[in-house]
Amino acid sequence: MGVPGGPGGSLGLVEDSRGDSGLGVPQFMEMGFVDGIPFTRYDSEWGWMEPLTQWMKDGAEPGYWDRNTRRAEKWQQVAADNLETVQERYNQSRGLHTLQWLYGCDLLSDGSIRGSDRIGYEGRDFLSFELGSGRFVAADSTAEITRRRWEHDGTMTEVWTNYLKHECPKWLQKYVGYGKKELERKEPPDVHVSGKEEHGRLILSCHAYGFYPKTITVNWMKGDEIWDQETEWGGVVPNSDGTFHTWARIEALPEEREQYRCRVEHPGMPEPGIFAWEPTSGGNLPVVVTVSVIAAILILVVIIGFIIWKLQSGNTRDGAIHGAGSSPFLFPGKLRAASRAHPSAAIHPTAFANGAICHFPIF
């Protein structure tokens, strides 16, 4: 168990559409990730697709940013209608409501591909696609309307199967080629162990900071045994400098403190490290924690609701955040209007740009 990252490369798109909050927050945002590192970004305030890494800026071919800005603008327009439709289906008033779409792929160490396509509304599951069975899964009766429509039509099953099996891995390999030197680097974690007593119990925390790549295993040991069942893990979260941090926590009896050790294994370490809590050390831990938390908030603001939506929980650490976006929920009356306003929608099921799907599906 532990805190594993992905065994191979990963590509993901997060697309987030929200109602007008009156707080100056963009109503639409898209962010691309390679191996968990944000590398492209678009939002409705800035109005332009931009690189977030130097290797992406240097590697993109001519016309890439113009082409993907136009694609994101179409997503933004369709997403506004989609969000309105979902609100109507749930009989909700206008205001700050959020629709997210997360999709992407992992290239595993054995050469196989794992695809993911999930849609969420208000931080909860709404609709997902199972690549193996080729079926959509609805979380409630409202999402069931869309599921039936998509499966009856058949086009969306074909689109997502093709994207997750073929197009996404192709773009992943392209991007990994752009950032090969940066993405293949290995930076070992800086490990800090802390402890505090609460209600007669000792809470031991093991924090790993500043490591790359994302793959890492953090375990608590009692004596020579790994105690995974008693351990609580945090997600593997990106820092602002392109590295990651994570943590593992366990409760113990105060008198048994010396029996516990934190074991950390990472590609940047020559061998697994064993770390114990020294009550007199770790004076700078609060500062390290604060800086890391602030950095994570700055990077993940686009997917705050999505992260809550358990995509970075201990059970979903699969190598990266796979991107997703605004969603396809339009009533039949709106479908015709959307098709006129956005001719790309439902017309070019295999048109892709920057690793993002350009089908603009209709709910």
Protein backbone atom coordinates (compact mmCIF):
# COMPACT_ATOMS: atom_id res chain seq x y z
CA MET A 1 0.00 0.00 0.00
CA GLY A 2 1.57 3.30 0.98
CA VAL A 3 1.28 6.38 -1.19
CA PRO A 4 1.98 5.25 -4.73
CA GLY A 5 2.08 7.50 -7.72
CA GLY A 6 1.71 6.33 -11.30
CA PRO A 7 4.11 3.71 -12.69
CA GLY A 8 4.22 5.36 -16.10
CA GLY A 9 3.39 8.62 -17.81
CA SER A 10 0.00 10.27 -17.51
CA LEU A 11 -1.92 12.99 -19.31
CA GLY A 12 -5.01 14.69 -17.96
CA LEU A 13 -7.32 17.63 -18.65
CA VAL A 14 -9.43 19.34 -16.00
CA GLU A 15 -12.19 21.58 -17.28
CA ASP A 16 -14.20 23.56 -14.75
CA SER A 17 -17.34 25.58 -15.44
CA ARG A 18 -19.06 27.63 -12.76
CA GLY A 19 -21.83 30.18 -12.40
CA ASP A 20 -21.17 33.85 -11.75
CA SER A 21 -20.08 34.22 -8.13
CA GLY A 22 -19.60 37.99 -8.31
CA LEU A 23 -16.12 37.43 -6.84
CA GLY A 24 -14.13 37.81 -10.04
CA VAL A 25 -13.49 34.06 -10.32
CA PRO A 26 -13.27 32.86 -13.96
CA GLN A 27 -16.47 31.14 -15.05
CA PHE A 28 -14.54 28.65 -17.15
CA MET A 29 -11.08 27.20 -16.72
CA GLU A 30 -9.11 24.39 -18.33
CA MET A 31 -5.79 23.01 -17.14
CA GLY A 32 -3.65 20.24 -18.62
CA PHE A 33 -1.37 17.96 -16.60
CA VAL A 34 1.50 15.68 -17.58
CA ASP A 35 2.63 13.34 -14.81
CA GLY A 36 0.74 15.55 -12.38
CA ILE A 37 2.53 18.73 -13.50
CA PRO A 38 0.30 21.58 -14.80
CA PHE A 39 1.59 22.48 -18.27
CA THR A 40 -1.22 24.36 -20.08
CA ARG A 41 -3.96 26.69 -18.89
CA TYR A 42 -6.93 28.64 -20.23
CA ASP A 43 -9.52 30.69 -18.39
CA SER A 44 -12.41 32.90 -19.42
CA GLU A 45 -10.85 36.04 -17.89
CA TRP A 46 -7.51 35.76 -19.66
CA GLY A 47 -9.07 34.34 -22.86
CA TRP A 48 -5.93 32.63 -24.13
CA MET A 49 -4.39 29.16 -23.91
CA GLU A 50 -0.94 29.56 -22.39
CA PRO A 51 2.03 27.35 -21.43
CA LEU A 52 2.84 26.78 -17.77
CA THR A 53 6.25 25.17 -18.35
CA GLN A 54 9.25 26.29 -20.37
CA TRP A 55 9.48 22.94 -22.14
CA MET A 56 5.90 23.27 -23.39
CA LYS A 57 6.53 26.84 -24.51
CA ASP A 58 9.62 25.74 -26.44
CA GLY A 59 8.15 22.52 -27.85
CA ALA A 60 4.73 23.56 -29.16
CA GLU A 61 4.50 23.67 -32.94
CA PRO A 62 3.42 26.83 -34.81
CA GLY A 63 -0.29 27.52 -34.49
CA TYR A 64 -0.69 25.36 -31.40
CA TRP A 65 -1.77 28.14 -29.04
CA ASP A 66 -4.16 29.80 -31.52
CA ARG A 67 -5.78 26.49 -32.37
CA ASN A 68 -6.27 25.46 -28.76
CA THR A 69 -7.49 28.88 -27.72
CA ARG A 70 -10.29 28.55 -30.29
CA ARG A 71 -11.10 25.05 -29.05
CA ALA A 72 -11.23 26.23 -25.42
CA GLU A 73 -13.47 29.15 -26.41
CA LYS A 74 -15.95 26.67 -27.89
CA TRP A 75 -15.80 24.56 -24.74
CA GLN A 76 -16.46 27.70 -22.71
CA GLN A 77 -19.54 28.60 -24.75
CA VAL A 78 -21.02 25.11 -24.69
CA ALA A 79 -20.15 24.74 -21.00
CA ALA A 80 -22.25 27.76 -20.08
CA ASP A 81 -25.31 26.12 -21.66
CA ASN A 82 -24.43 22.79 -20.08
CA LEU A 83 -24.22 24.27 -16.62
CA GLU A 84 -27.54 26.05 -17.05
CA THR A 85 -29.16 22.79 -18.12
CA VAL A 86 -27.91 20.93 -15.05
CA GLN A 87 -29.22 23.68 -12.80
CA GLU A 88 -32.61 23.43 -14.49
CA ARG A 89 -32.65 19.67 -14.09
CA TYR A 90 -31.95 20.00 -10.38
CA ASN A 91 -34.44 22.89 -10.13
CA GLN A 92 -31.74 25.23 -8.85
CA SER A 93 -31.50 28.99 -9.14
CA ARG A 94 -28.66 30.80 -10.83
CA GLY A 95 -25.55 31.52 -8.82
CA LEU A 96 -22.32 29.77 -7.98
CA HIS A 97 -22.70 26.19 -9.18
CA THR A 98 -19.79 24.12 -10.46
CA LEU A 99 -19.52 21.48 -13.16
CA GLN A 100 -16.22 19.65 -13.64
CA TRP A 101 -14.93 17.17 -16.16
CA LEU A 102 -11.81 15.09 -15.57
CA TYR A 103 -10.43 12.88 -18.31
CA GLY A 104 -7.10 11.44 -19.37
CA CYS A 105 -4.89 8.38 -19.52
CA ASP A 106 -2.02 6.58 -17.83
CA LEU A 107 0.63 4.63 -19.71
CA LEU A 108 1.51 1.82 -17.30
CA SER A 109 4.91 0.18 -16.92
CA ASP A 110 3.72 -3.00 -18.68
CA GLY A 111 2.72 -0.99 -21.76
CA SER A 112 -1.02 -1.12 -21.09
CA ILE A 113 -3.24 1.95 -20.99
CA ARG A 114 -5.63 3.02 -18.28
CA GLY A 115 -8.21 5.63 -19.25
CA SER A 116 -10.43 7.79 -17.06
CA ASP A 117 -13.45 9.96 -17.86
CA ARG A 118 -15.44 11.41 -14.96
CA ILE A 119 -17.90 14.26 -14.64
CA GLY A 120 -18.85 15.91 -11.38
CA TYR A 121 -21.40 18.50 -10.29
CA GLU A 122 -21.09 20.50 -7.07
CA GLY A 123 -18.14 18.34 -6.01
CA ARG A 124 -20.05 15.06 -6.34
CA ASP A 125 -20.00 12.24 -8.88
CA PHE A 126 -22.37 12.80 -11.77
CA LEU A 127 -21.41 10.61 -14.72
CA SER A 128 -18.44 8.43 -15.66
CA PHE A 129 -17.32 6.23 -18.54
CA GLU A 130 -16.01 2.69 -18.05
CA LEU A 131 -13.50 2.01 -20.79
CA GLY A 132 -13.53 -1.76 -20.32
CA SER A 133 -17.27 -2.20 -20.76
CA GLY A 134 -17.82 0.83 -22.97
CA ARG A 135 -20.70 1.98 -20.78
CA PHE A 136 -21.56 5.20 -18.97
CA VAL A 137 -22.46 5.10 -15.28
CA ALA A 138 -24.91 7.66 -13.87
CA ALA A 139 -24.74 8.70 -10.22
CA ASP A 140 -28.42 9.70 -9.96
CA SER A 141 -31.67 9.98 -11.90
CA THR A 142 -30.69 13.37 -13.33
CA ALA A 143 -27.47 12.00 -14.80
CA GLU A 144 -29.43 8.97 -16.00
CA ILE A 145 -31.12 11.21 -18.59
CA THR A 146 -27.75 11.87 -20.18
CA ARG A 147 -26.57 8.28 -19.85
CA ARG A 148 -29.58 6.95 -21.76
CA ARG A 149 -29.20 9.59 -24.47
CA TRP A 150 -25.51 8.90 -24.99
CA GLU A 151 -25.82 5.13 -25.02
CA HIS A 152 -28.83 5.24 -27.34
CA ASP A 153 -26.95 7.47 -29.77
CA GLY A 154 -23.77 5.38 -29.58
CA THR A 155 -21.49 8.16 -30.79
CA MET A 156 -20.18 9.11 -27.36
CA THR A 157 -19.11 5.54 -26.60
CA GLU A 158 -17.14 5.49 -29.84
CA VAL A 159 -15.64 8.92 -29.17
CA TRP A 160 -14.44 8.17 -25.66
CA THR A 161 -13.15 4.69 -26.46
CA ASN A 162 -11.09 6.08 -29.33
CA TYR A 163 -9.85 9.01 -27.27
CA LEU A 164 -8.80 7.05 -24.19
CA LYS A 165 -7.23 4.15 -26.11
CA HIS A 166 -5.54 5.99 -28.96
CA GLU A 167 -5.59 9.79 -29.01
CA CYS A 168 -4.71 10.44 -25.38
CA PRO A 169 -1.66 8.09 -25.36
CA LYS A 170 -0.46 9.64 -28.62
CA TRP A 171 -0.55 13.15 -27.15
CA LEU A 172 1.00 11.92 -23.93
CA GLN A 173 4.02 10.60 -25.83
CA LYS A 174 4.30 13.89 -27.71
CA TYR A 175 4.31 15.95 -24.51
CA VAL A 176 6.71 13.63 -22.73
CA GLY A 177 9.02 14.14 -25.71
CA TYR A 178 8.82 17.91 -25.26
CA GLY A 179 9.66 17.73 -21.57
CA LYS A 180 11.81 14.60 -21.56
CA LYS A 181 14.73 16.12 -19.66
CA GLU A 182 12.53 17.78 -17.05
CA LEU A 183 10.06 14.91 -16.67
CA GLU A 184 12.76 12.25 -16.30
CA ARG A 185 14.60 14.05 -13.53
CA LYS A 186 14.65 12.52 -10.04
CA GLU A 187 14.51 14.67 -6.92
CA PRO A 188 14.45 12.80 -3.58
CA PRO A 189 12.00 13.81 -0.84
CA ASP A 190 12.87 15.88 2.20
CA VAL A 191 11.29 13.87 5.04
CA HIS A 192 10.08 15.32 8.36
CA VAL A 193 8.54 13.28 11.18
CA SER A 194 6.48 14.96 13.90
CA GLY A 195 4.34 13.87 16.81
CA LYS A 196 1.80 15.22 19.29
CA GLU A 197 -0.25 13.77 22.11
CA GLU A 198 -4.05 14.07 22.13
CA HIS A 199 -6.36 12.43 24.67
CA GLY A 200 -3.76 9.92 25.74
CA ARG A 201 -2.82 8.93 22.19
CA LEU A 202 0.30 9.84 20.23
CA ILE A 203 -0.31 11.01 16.65
CA LEU A 204 2.77 10.49 14.48
CA SER A 205 2.97 12.24 11.10
CA CYS A 206 5.48 11.62 8.33
CA HIS A 207 5.70 14.36 5.68
CA ALA A 208 7.64 14.02 2.42
CA TYR A 209 8.36 17.27 0.55
CA GLY A 210 9.89 18.38 -2.74
CA PHE A 211 10.11 15.05 -4.55
CA TYR A 212 9.83 14.20 -8.24
CA PRO A 213 8.54 12.11 -9.96
CA LYS A 214 5.21 11.61 -8.25
CA THR A 215 5.75 7.91 -7.58
CA ILE A 216 6.40 7.41 -3.86
CA THR A 217 5.64 4.91 -1.09
CA VAL A 218 5.28 6.07 2.51
CA ASN A 219 4.60 3.50 5.25
CA TRP A 220 4.53 3.48 9.02
CA MET A 221 6.32 0.54 10.65
CA LYS A 222 6.05 -0.84 14.17
CA GLY A 223 9.17 -2.83 14.79
CA ASP A 224 9.87 -4.72 11.56
CA GLU A 225 6.23 -4.82 10.41
CA ILE A 226 4.46 -2.39 8.08
CA TRP A 227 1.20 -1.17 9.65
CA ASP A 228 -0.78 -0.07 6.60
CA GLN A 229 -4.17 -0.93 8.07
CA GLU A 230 -3.68 1.58 10.88
CA THR A 231 -2.22 4.30 8.62
CA GLU A 232 -4.01 7.32 7.15
CA TRP A 233 -2.55 8.82 3.97
CA GLY A 234 -2.82 12.19 2.30
CA GLY A 235 -2.85 12.60 -1.46
CA VAL A 236 0.25 13.23 -3.55
CA VAL A 237 -0.13 16.98 -4.15
CA PRO A 238 1.86 19.29 -6.47
CA ASN A 239 3.98 22.19 -5.23
CA SER A 240 4.43 25.44 -7.16
CA ASP A 241 7.96 24.42 -8.26
CA GLY A 242 6.85 21.25 -10.06
CA THR A 243 7.65 18.89 -7.19
CA PHE A 244 5.19 17.06 -4.92
CA HIS A 245 4.45 16.49 -1.25
CA THR A 246 2.47 13.94 0.73
CA TRP A 247 2.03 12.58 4.25
CA ALA A 248 1.13 9.50 6.27
CA ARG A 249 -0.23 9.49 9.83
CA ILE A 250 -0.70 6.84 12.51
CA GLU A 251 -1.90 6.73 16.13
CA ALA A 252 0.19 5.03 18.79
CA LEU A 253 0.51 4.62 22.54
CA PRO A 254 2.91 7.27 23.88
CA GLU A 255 5.00 4.65 25.68
CA GLU A 256 5.50 2.78 22.38
CA ARG A 257 6.87 5.81 20.51
CA GLU A 258 10.32 4.36 19.96
CA GLN A 259 8.89 1.31 18.19
CA TYR A 260 7.56 3.37 15.27
CA ARG A 261 9.48 4.34 12.14
CA CYS A 262 8.44 5.95 8.86
CA ARG A 263 9.65 4.15 5.74
CA VAL A 264 9.93 6.18 2.51
CA GLU A 265 10.75 4.76 -0.91
CA HIS A 266 11.23 6.97 -3.99
CA PRO A 267 13.06 6.67 -7.36
CA GLY A 268 15.33 9.55 -6.33
CA MET A 269 16.59 7.66 -3.25
CA PRO A 270 19.35 5.04 -3.59
CA GLU A 271 17.49 2.88 -1.07
CA PRO A 272 14.39 3.22 1.15
CA GLY A 273 14.86 5.63 4.06
CA ILE A 274 13.83 4.93 7.66
CA PHE A 275 12.90 7.95 9.79
CA ALA A 276 12.02 8.25 13.48
CA TRP A 277 10.45 11.05 15.48
CA GLU A 278 12.89 12.98 17.60
CA PRO A 279 10.81 15.19 19.95
CA THR A 280 13.50 17.90 20.08
CA SER A 281 13.83 18.17 16.29
CA GLY A 282 11.59 19.48 13.54
CA GLY A 283 11.39 23.08 14.76
CA ASN A 284 10.97 24.32 11.22
CA LEU A 285 8.19 21.89 10.40
CA PRO A 286 5.30 24.39 10.77
CA VAL A 287 7.02 26.70 8.27
CA VAL A 288 7.54 23.89 5.77
CA VAL A 289 3.95 22.76 6.13
CA THR A 290 2.60 26.29 5.70
CA VAL A 291 4.65 27.00 2.58
CA SER A 292 3.65 23.70 0.98
CA VAL A 293 -0.03 24.19 1.73
CA ILE A 294 -0.04 27.70 0.27
CA ALA A 295 1.74 26.50 -2.86
CA ALA A 296 -0.74 23.67 -3.29
CA ILE A 297 -3.69 26.04 -2.96
CA LEU A 298 -2.28 28.35 -5.63
CA ILE A 299 -1.79 25.50 -8.08
CA LEU A 300 -5.04 23.68 -7.41
CA VAL A 301 -7.51 26.55 -7.23
CA VAL A 302 -9.05 25.43 -10.53
CA ILE A 303 -9.92 22.02 -9.09
CA ILE A 304 -10.68 22.68 -5.44
CA GLY A 305 -14.12 21.15 -5.77
CA PHE A 306 -12.71 18.27 -7.80
CA ILE A 307 -10.03 17.44 -5.27
CA ILE A 308 -12.73 17.25 -2.61
CA TRP A 309 -14.47 14.93 -5.05
CA LYS A 310 -11.94 12.27 -3.88
CA LEU A 311 -9.83 12.24 -7.03
CA GLN A 312 -6.70 12.72 -4.97
CA SER A 313 -7.80 10.49 -2.12
CA GLY A 314 -5.73 7.65 -0.85
CA ASN A 315 -7.61 5.21 -3.07
CA THR A 316 -7.08 7.08 -6.34
CA ARG A 317 -3.37 7.78 -6.41
CA ASP A 318 -2.82 6.54 -9.95
CA GLY A 319 -0.02 8.71 -11.24
CA ALA A 320 -1.58 12.01 -12.00
CA ILE A 321 -4.61 14.12 -12.09
CA HIS A 322 -6.31 13.36 -15.34
CA GLY A 323 -7.99 16.33 -16.75
CA ALA A 324 -11.61 17.00 -17.20
CA GLY A 325 -13.98 19.69 -18.06
CA SER A 326 -17.16 21.53 -18.39
CA SER A 327 -19.96 19.26 -19.24
CA PRO A 328 -22.36 18.32 -21.95
CA PHE A 329 -25.85 18.82 -20.61
CA LEU A 330 -28.26 20.35 -23.08
CA PHE A 331 -31.97 19.85 -23.54
CA PRO A 332 -33.15 18.82 -27.04
CA GLY A 333 -34.26 22.39 -27.76
CA LYS A 334 -30.83 23.69 -26.91
CA LEU A 335 -29.11 20.98 -28.92
CA ARG A 336 -30.14 22.49 -32.25
CA ALA A 337 -29.11 25.98 -31.13
CA ALA A 338 -25.79 24.67 -29.87
CA SER A 339 -25.15 22.85 -33.13
CA ARG A 340 -25.73 26.08 -35.06
CA ALA A 341 -23.60 28.15 -32.70
CA HIS A 342 -20.85 25.54 -32.39
CA PRO A 343 -20.62 23.50 -35.61
CA SER A 344 -17.78 21.42 -34.18
CA ALA A 345 -20.10 19.92 -31.61
CA ALA A 346 -21.20 16.37 -32.40
CA ILE A 347 -19.79 16.63 -35.94
CA HIS A 348 -16.10 15.73 -35.67
CA PRO A 349 -15.91 12.91 -33.12
CA THR A 350 -12.21 12.27 -33.76
CA ALA A 351 -10.96 15.85 -33.87
CA PHE A 352 -8.46 16.41 -31.07
CA ALA A 353 -6.20 19.25 -30.08
CA ASN A 354 -3.52 19.45 -27.36
CA GLY A 355 -4.66 16.09 -26.06
CA ALA A 356 -8.12 17.45 -25.28
CA ILE A 357 -11.25 16.05 -26.84
CA CYS A 358 -13.02 18.42 -29.24
CA HIS A 359 -16.32 16.58 -29.61
CA PHE A 360 -18.27 18.91 -27.29
CA PRO A 361 -20.82 16.23 -26.30
CA ILE A 362 -24.45 17.13 -25.63
CA PHE A 363 -26.40 16.06 -22.55
